[in-house]
């Protein structure tokens, strides 16, 4: 299950980057912020996965 969550986190981060880029391209500050927030949320989840992996070993 850990690898599935890691892939989801990477996918979510890519989605956030795309949202941020589109927001920048169309000059939509709300979309830029939402994209950045999605990236941060993904990074936090990824850090949690790393902690779980470290605890297993």
Protein backbone atom coordinates (compact mmCIF):
# COMPACT_ATOMS: atom_id res chain seq x y z
CA UNK A 1 0.00 0.00 0.00
CA UNK A 2 2.94 2.35 0.64
CA UNK A 3 4.05 2.41 -2.99
CA UNK A 4 0.50 3.18 -4.14
CA UNK A 5 0.37 6.16 -1.77
CA UNK A 6 3.76 7.39 -3.00
CA UNK A 7 2.58 7.29 -6.61
CA UNK A 8 -0.61 9.12 -5.66
CA UNK A 9 1.44 11.80 -3.92
CA UNK A 10 3.67 12.30 -6.95
CA UNK A 11 0.60 12.49 -9.19
CA UNK A 12 -1.04 14.99 -6.85
CA UNK A 13 2.10 17.13 -6.87
CA UNK A 14 2.16 17.12 -10.68
CA UNK A 15 -1.49 18.15 -10.69
CA UNK A 16 -0.65 21.03 -8.35
CA UNK A 17 2.21 22.17 -10.57
CA UNK A 18 -0.09 22.11 -13.59
CA UNK A 19 -2.73 24.12 -11.74
CA UNK A 20 -0.14 26.67 -10.67
CA UNK A 21 1.18 26.98 -14.23
CA UNK A 22 -2.28 27.44 -15.70
CA UNK A 23 -3.08 30.01 -13.03
CA UNK A 24 0.07 31.90 -13.92
CA UNK A 25 -0.69 31.67 -17.66
CA UNK A 26 -4.23 33.02 -17.34
CA UNK A 27 -3.32 35.41 -14.51
CA UNK A 28 -5.63 33.75 -11.96
CA UNK A 29 -4.17 34.25 -8.47
CA UNK A 30 -6.66 31.87 -6.84
CA UNK A 31 -5.69 29.02 -9.16
CA UNK A 32 -1.99 29.67 -8.57
CA UNK A 33 -2.50 29.52 -4.80
CA UNK A 34 -4.63 26.38 -5.05
CA UNK A 35 -1.97 24.70 -7.15
CA UNK A 36 0.77 25.64 -4.69
CA UNK A 37 -1.36 24.39 -1.78
CA UNK A 38 -1.88 21.07 -3.56
CA UNK A 39 1.89 20.72 -3.97
CA UNK A 40 2.54 21.45 -0.29
CA UNK A 41 -0.14 18.96 0.78
CA UNK A 42 1.46 16.34 -1.45
CA UNK A 43 4.92 17.05 -0.01
CA UNK A 44 3.58 16.61 3.53
CA UNK A 45 1.95 13.30 2.63
CA UNK A 46 5.18 12.15 0.99
CA UNK A 47 7.12 13.04 4.14
CA UNK A 48 4.65 10.96 6.15
CA UNK A 49 5.25 8.00 3.86
CA UNK A 50 9.01 8.35 4.37
CA UNK A 51 8.53 8.37 8.15
CA UNK A 52 6.43 5.21 7.93
CA UNK A 53 9.10 3.54 5.79
CA UNK A 54 11.84 4.53 8.25
CA UNK A 55 9.82 3.14 11.16
CA UNK A 56 9.51 -0.22 9.43
CA UNK A 57 13.28 -0.67 9.14
